[in-house]
N, C-alpha and C. Protein backbone atom coordinates (compact mmCIF):
# COMPACT_ATOMS: atom_id res chain seq x y z
N MET A 1 3.26 -104.21 9.46
CA MET A 1 2.89 -105.08 8.56
C MET A 1 2.14 -106.15 8.93
N ALA A 2 1.32 -107.23 8.18
CA ALA A 2 0.74 -108.06 8.39
C ALA A 2 1.39 -109.51 8.26
N ALA A 3 1.22 -110.40 8.31
CA ALA A 3 1.93 -111.78 7.66
C ALA A 3 1.77 -111.75 6.60
N GLY A 4 2.73 -112.08 5.34
CA GLY A 4 2.57 -112.12 4.07
C GLY A 4 2.91 -110.96 3.09
N GLY A 5 3.08 -109.85 4.44
CA GLY A 5 3.76 -108.48 3.32
C GLY A 5 2.32 -107.95 3.32
N GLU A 6 1.03 -108.09 3.51
CA GLU A 6 0.41 -107.18 3.27
C GLU A 6 -0.19 -106.16 4.21
N ARG A 7 -0.94 -105.12 4.30
CA ARG A 7 -1.36 -104.18 4.68
C ARG A 7 -2.47 -104.39 5.75
N GLU A 8 -2.18 -103.85 6.78
CA GLU A 8 -3.25 -104.15 7.81
C GLU A 8 -4.36 -103.67 7.66
N GLY A 9 -5.73 -104.36 7.27
CA GLY A 9 -6.93 -103.70 6.94
C GLY A 9 -6.99 -103.15 5.67
N ALA A 10 -6.29 -103.64 4.85
CA ALA A 10 -6.31 -103.68 3.33
C ALA A 10 -7.59 -105.38 2.85
N PRO A 11 -8.21 -104.86 1.97
CA PRO A 11 -9.10 -106.00 2.00
C PRO A 11 -7.98 -107.11 0.75
N GLU A 12 -8.52 -108.45 1.18
CA GLU A 12 -7.53 -109.08 -0.02
C GLU A 12 -8.08 -109.27 -1.58
N ASP A 13 -9.29 -109.16 -1.40
CA ASP A 13 -10.03 -109.33 -2.58
C ASP A 13 -10.63 -107.98 -3.25
N THR A 14 -10.23 -107.33 -4.30
CA THR A 14 -10.65 -105.81 -4.45
C THR A 14 -12.31 -105.89 -5.22
N ARG A 15 -12.42 -107.37 -5.92
CA ARG A 15 -13.83 -107.06 -6.71
C ARG A 15 -14.89 -106.75 -5.81
N PRO A 16 -15.33 -106.82 -5.04
CA PRO A 16 -16.41 -106.28 -4.37
C PRO A 16 -16.58 -104.95 -4.42
N HIS A 17 -15.59 -104.30 -3.87
CA HIS A 17 -15.57 -102.78 -4.14
C HIS A 17 -15.72 -102.08 -5.12
N TYR A 18 -14.55 -102.84 -6.39
CA TYR A 18 -15.18 -102.54 -8.20
C TYR A 18 -16.62 -102.52 -8.64
N LEU A 19 -17.15 -103.78 -7.75
CA LEU A 19 -18.54 -104.13 -8.11
C LEU A 19 -19.61 -102.81 -7.63
N GLY A 20 -19.00 -102.47 -6.58
CA GLY A 20 -19.77 -101.47 -5.40
C GLY A 20 -20.05 -100.60 -6.81
N VAL A 21 -18.79 -99.83 -6.55
CA VAL A 21 -18.36 -98.53 -7.75
C VAL A 21 -19.05 -98.84 -9.02
N GLY A 22 -18.78 -100.22 -9.52
CA GLY A 22 -19.79 -100.12 -11.05
C GLY A 22 -20.84 -100.02 -11.14
N CYS A 23 -21.92 -100.46 -9.94
CA CYS A 23 -22.88 -100.63 -10.15
C CYS A 23 -23.56 -99.12 -9.67
N PHE A 24 -23.17 -98.50 -8.73
CA PHE A 24 -23.06 -97.04 -8.65
C PHE A 24 -23.20 -96.24 -10.15
N SER A 25 -22.08 -96.14 -10.23
CA SER A 25 -21.72 -95.59 -11.65
C SER A 25 -22.49 -96.21 -12.83
N VAL A 26 -23.14 -97.14 -12.84
CA VAL A 26 -24.00 -97.53 -13.91
C VAL A 26 -25.20 -96.45 -13.84
N ILE A 27 -26.03 -96.36 -12.86
CA ILE A 27 -26.93 -95.59 -12.51
C ILE A 27 -27.01 -94.39 -12.51
N ALA A 28 -25.30 -93.74 -11.89
CA ALA A 28 -25.32 -92.67 -12.32
C ALA A 28 -25.28 -91.97 -13.64
N GLY A 29 -24.31 -92.94 -14.93
CA GLY A 29 -24.44 -92.72 -15.87
C GLY A 29 -25.50 -92.56 -16.79
N PHE A 30 -26.02 -93.55 -16.67
CA PHE A 30 -27.55 -94.01 -17.18
C PHE A 30 -28.38 -92.59 -16.86
N ALA A 31 -28.64 -91.91 -15.94
CA ALA A 31 -29.33 -90.65 -15.58
C ALA A 31 -28.48 -89.44 -16.59
N GLY A 32 -27.08 -89.47 -16.09
CA GLY A 32 -26.68 -88.39 -16.80
C GLY A 32 -26.54 -88.65 -17.88
N GLY A 33 -25.96 -89.37 -18.79
CA GLY A 33 -26.03 -89.74 -20.11
C GLY A 33 -27.53 -88.84 -20.68
N GLY A 34 -28.62 -89.69 -20.17
CA GLY A 34 -29.96 -89.45 -20.75
C GLY A 34 -30.40 -87.93 -20.75
N MET A 35 -30.09 -86.91 -19.53
CA MET A 35 -30.40 -86.02 -19.19
C MET A 35 -29.55 -84.95 -20.23
N ILE A 36 -27.93 -85.42 -20.49
CA ILE A 36 -27.07 -84.39 -21.39
C ILE A 36 -27.55 -84.78 -22.90
N ALA A 37 -27.88 -85.95 -23.18
CA ALA A 37 -28.39 -86.07 -24.47
C ALA A 37 -29.90 -85.59 -24.91
N VAL A 38 -30.61 -85.13 -23.84
CA VAL A 38 -31.88 -84.54 -24.09
C VAL A 38 -31.39 -82.87 -24.29
N LEU A 39 -30.27 -82.45 -23.23
CA LEU A 39 -30.18 -81.35 -23.99
C LEU A 39 -29.34 -80.74 -25.14
N ILE A 40 -28.54 -81.89 -25.79
CA ILE A 40 -28.34 -82.06 -27.11
C ILE A 40 -29.46 -81.69 -27.86
N ALA A 41 -30.83 -82.85 -27.85
CA ALA A 41 -31.63 -82.71 -28.66
C ALA A 41 -32.24 -81.57 -28.27
N LYS A 42 -32.33 -80.72 -27.43
CA LYS A 42 -33.19 -79.68 -27.70
C LYS A 42 -32.00 -78.24 -28.18
N ILE A 43 -30.87 -78.20 -27.97
CA ILE A 43 -29.77 -77.69 -29.37
C ILE A 43 -30.23 -77.84 -30.70
N VAL A 44 -30.33 -78.93 -30.65
CA VAL A 44 -30.39 -79.59 -32.49
C VAL A 44 -31.85 -79.59 -33.02
N GLY A 45 -32.76 -79.49 -32.00
CA GLY A 45 -34.13 -79.05 -32.65
C GLY A 45 -34.11 -77.67 -32.99
N ALA A 46 -33.56 -76.81 -31.77
CA ALA A 46 -33.26 -75.67 -32.08
C ALA A 46 -32.73 -74.81 -33.20
N PHE A 47 -31.62 -75.22 -33.63
CA PHE A 47 -31.04 -75.30 -34.79
C PHE A 47 -31.73 -75.80 -36.07
N ALA A 48 -32.40 -77.26 -35.63
CA ALA A 48 -33.21 -77.68 -37.09
C ALA A 48 -34.47 -76.71 -37.24
N ARG A 49 -34.97 -76.14 -36.51
CA ARG A 49 -36.29 -75.01 -36.03
C ARG A 49 -37.33 -75.86 -36.12
N CYS A 50 -37.39 -77.07 -35.19
CA CYS A 50 -37.94 -78.60 -34.91
C CYS A 50 -39.21 -77.91 -33.69
N PRO A 51 -40.14 -77.93 -34.33
CA PRO A 51 -41.35 -77.48 -33.19
C PRO A 51 -40.97 -78.35 -32.10
N THR A 52 -41.20 -77.65 -30.87
CA THR A 52 -41.66 -78.57 -29.52
C THR A 52 -42.94 -78.59 -29.05
N GLU A 53 -42.77 -79.50 -28.69
CA GLU A 53 -44.50 -79.81 -27.87
C GLU A 53 -45.08 -78.87 -27.20
N SER A 54 -46.44 -78.47 -27.56
CA SER A 54 -46.84 -77.30 -26.92
C SER A 54 -47.18 -77.70 -25.32
N GLU A 55 -47.32 -78.28 -25.04
CA GLU A 55 -47.50 -78.58 -23.26
C GLU A 55 -46.67 -79.07 -22.72
N THR A 56 -45.66 -79.82 -23.10
CA THR A 56 -44.40 -79.82 -22.05
C THR A 56 -43.18 -79.14 -22.64
N GLY A 57 -42.88 -78.90 -23.73
CA GLY A 57 -41.80 -78.12 -24.31
C GLY A 57 -40.78 -78.86 -24.29
N ALA A 58 -41.08 -80.33 -24.83
CA ALA A 58 -40.11 -81.24 -25.44
C ALA A 58 -39.49 -81.23 -26.35
N PRO A 59 -38.24 -81.42 -26.93
CA PRO A 59 -37.67 -81.25 -28.28
C PRO A 59 -38.05 -82.62 -29.13
N CYS A 60 -38.11 -82.38 -30.37
CA CYS A 60 -38.38 -83.66 -31.28
C CYS A 60 -37.27 -84.94 -30.90
N ASN A 61 -38.24 -85.73 -31.34
CA ASN A 61 -36.93 -87.16 -30.85
C ASN A 61 -36.44 -87.04 -29.76
N TRP A 62 -37.16 -86.55 -28.89
CA TRP A 62 -36.27 -86.39 -27.15
C TRP A 62 -35.76 -87.68 -26.98
N PHE A 63 -36.81 -88.87 -27.09
CA PHE A 63 -36.68 -90.21 -26.62
C PHE A 63 -35.78 -90.78 -27.09
N THR A 64 -35.51 -90.74 -28.55
CA THR A 64 -34.39 -91.54 -28.97
C THR A 64 -32.89 -90.96 -28.57
N TYR A 65 -32.84 -89.76 -28.72
CA TYR A 65 -31.70 -88.87 -28.05
C TYR A 65 -31.52 -89.36 -26.61
N ALA A 66 -32.86 -89.54 -25.80
CA ALA A 66 -32.42 -89.72 -24.14
C ALA A 66 -31.63 -91.04 -24.11
N VAL A 67 -32.26 -92.67 -24.97
CA VAL A 67 -32.07 -93.24 -24.72
C VAL A 67 -30.44 -93.73 -25.19
N VAL A 68 -30.25 -93.36 -26.36
CA VAL A 68 -28.70 -93.32 -26.85
C VAL A 68 -27.70 -92.66 -25.26
N GLY A 69 -27.91 -91.64 -24.84
CA GLY A 69 -27.10 -90.92 -24.29
C GLY A 69 -27.12 -92.09 -22.95
N ALA A 70 -28.36 -92.13 -22.55
CA ALA A 70 -28.17 -93.24 -21.42
C ALA A 70 -27.55 -94.62 -21.17
N ILE A 71 -27.75 -94.82 -22.64
CA ILE A 71 -26.70 -96.21 -22.85
C ILE A 71 -25.31 -95.89 -22.99
N ALA A 72 -25.35 -94.84 -23.74
CA ALA A 72 -23.64 -94.28 -23.78
C ALA A 72 -23.34 -94.19 -21.99
N GLY A 73 -23.84 -93.12 -21.30
CA GLY A 73 -23.50 -92.91 -20.17
C GLY A 73 -23.29 -94.43 -19.12
N ALA A 74 -24.50 -95.14 -19.62
CA ALA A 74 -24.25 -96.39 -18.38
C ALA A 74 -22.78 -97.72 -18.93
N ILE A 75 -22.50 -96.99 -19.89
CA ILE A 75 -21.20 -97.70 -20.60
C ILE A 75 -20.11 -97.34 -20.18
N ILE A 76 -19.96 -95.46 -20.66
CA ILE A 76 -18.67 -94.64 -20.45
C ILE A 76 -18.62 -94.70 -19.05
N LEU A 77 -19.23 -94.26 -17.88
CA LEU A 77 -18.88 -93.55 -16.82
C LEU A 77 -18.43 -94.81 -15.97
N PRO A 78 -19.12 -96.09 -15.70
CA PRO A 78 -18.53 -96.84 -15.17
C PRO A 78 -17.25 -97.56 -15.84
N THR A 79 -16.65 -97.65 -17.13
CA THR A 79 -15.55 -97.87 -17.37
C THR A 79 -14.56 -96.68 -16.97
N LEU A 80 -14.76 -95.43 -17.08
CA LEU A 80 -13.79 -94.45 -16.58
C LEU A 80 -14.09 -94.44 -15.29
N THR A 81 -14.82 -95.02 -14.61
CA THR A 81 -14.30 -94.49 -12.78
C THR A 81 -13.55 -95.96 -12.54
N ILE A 82 -13.94 -97.23 -12.98
CA ILE A 82 -13.23 -98.47 -12.33
C ILE A 82 -11.78 -98.12 -13.02
N SER A 83 -11.39 -97.32 -14.02
CA SER A 83 -10.14 -97.95 -14.72
C SER A 83 -9.60 -96.78 -14.31
N LEU A 84 -9.60 -95.54 -13.86
CA LEU A 84 -9.49 -94.71 -12.69
C LEU A 84 -8.94 -95.26 -11.21
N LEU A 85 -10.01 -95.70 -10.86
CA LEU A 85 -9.47 -96.41 -9.35
C LEU A 85 -8.56 -97.41 -9.83
N ARG A 86 -8.41 -98.50 -10.73
CA ARG A 86 -7.60 -99.24 -10.59
C ARG A 86 -5.84 -98.65 -10.97
N ARG A 87 -6.44 -97.45 -11.78
CA ARG A 87 -4.70 -96.53 -11.85
C ARG A 87 -4.48 -96.02 -11.02
N GLY A 88 -5.43 -95.61 -9.78
CA GLY A 88 -5.03 -95.37 -8.76
C GLY A 88 -4.16 -96.14 -7.47
N ARG A 89 -5.08 -97.69 -7.71
CA ARG A 89 -4.21 -98.43 -6.82
C ARG A 89 -3.07 -98.81 -7.04
N LYS A 90 -2.77 -99.27 -8.51
CA LYS A 90 -1.29 -99.47 -9.09
C LYS A 90 -0.26 -98.34 -8.49
N ARG A 91 -0.86 -97.14 -8.72
CA ARG A 91 0.16 -96.07 -8.66
C ARG A 91 0.45 -96.47 -6.85
N ALA A 92 -0.60 -96.48 -6.45
CA ALA A 92 -0.24 -96.60 -4.57
C ALA A 92 0.69 -97.82 -3.87
N GLN A 93 0.53 -98.79 -5.30
CA GLN A 93 1.38 -100.01 -4.87
C GLN A 93 2.73 -99.63 -5.53
N HIS A 94 2.66 -99.25 -6.34
CA HIS A 94 4.14 -98.99 -6.95
C HIS A 94 4.86 -97.73 -5.46
N LEU A 95 3.94 -96.68 -5.11
CA LEU A 95 5.07 -96.20 -4.26
C LEU A 95 5.24 -96.94 -3.04
N GLU A 96 4.39 -97.91 -3.01
CA GLU A 96 4.83 -98.83 -1.22
C GLU A 96 6.14 -99.71 -1.55
N ARG A 97 6.24 -100.05 -2.80
CA ARG A 97 7.48 -100.73 -3.11
C ARG A 97 8.24 -99.63 -3.32
N GLY A 98 8.36 -98.82 -3.58
CA GLY A 98 9.60 -97.62 -3.97
C GLY A 98 10.35 -98.27 -5.39
């Protein structure tokens, strides 16, 4: 144990770690949310019998779905990852205390 009751090698300030995880997950959420939304647009377009573009096969209004999905993913994934990370750290601290 280090002086002051802290573990050796444990960072005193966890904000840089949360910032790194948050920035990485914003990028992953943006890309993943957009791709999932385009898949949803493809399914909705098939049920609505919306004609796809002949050259690319892109569904109707795919850009609208992609933007909404990308924004949702960029908000939801970082929120979820940081909250799970904090919950895990709180559990670890609780187990250390006994």
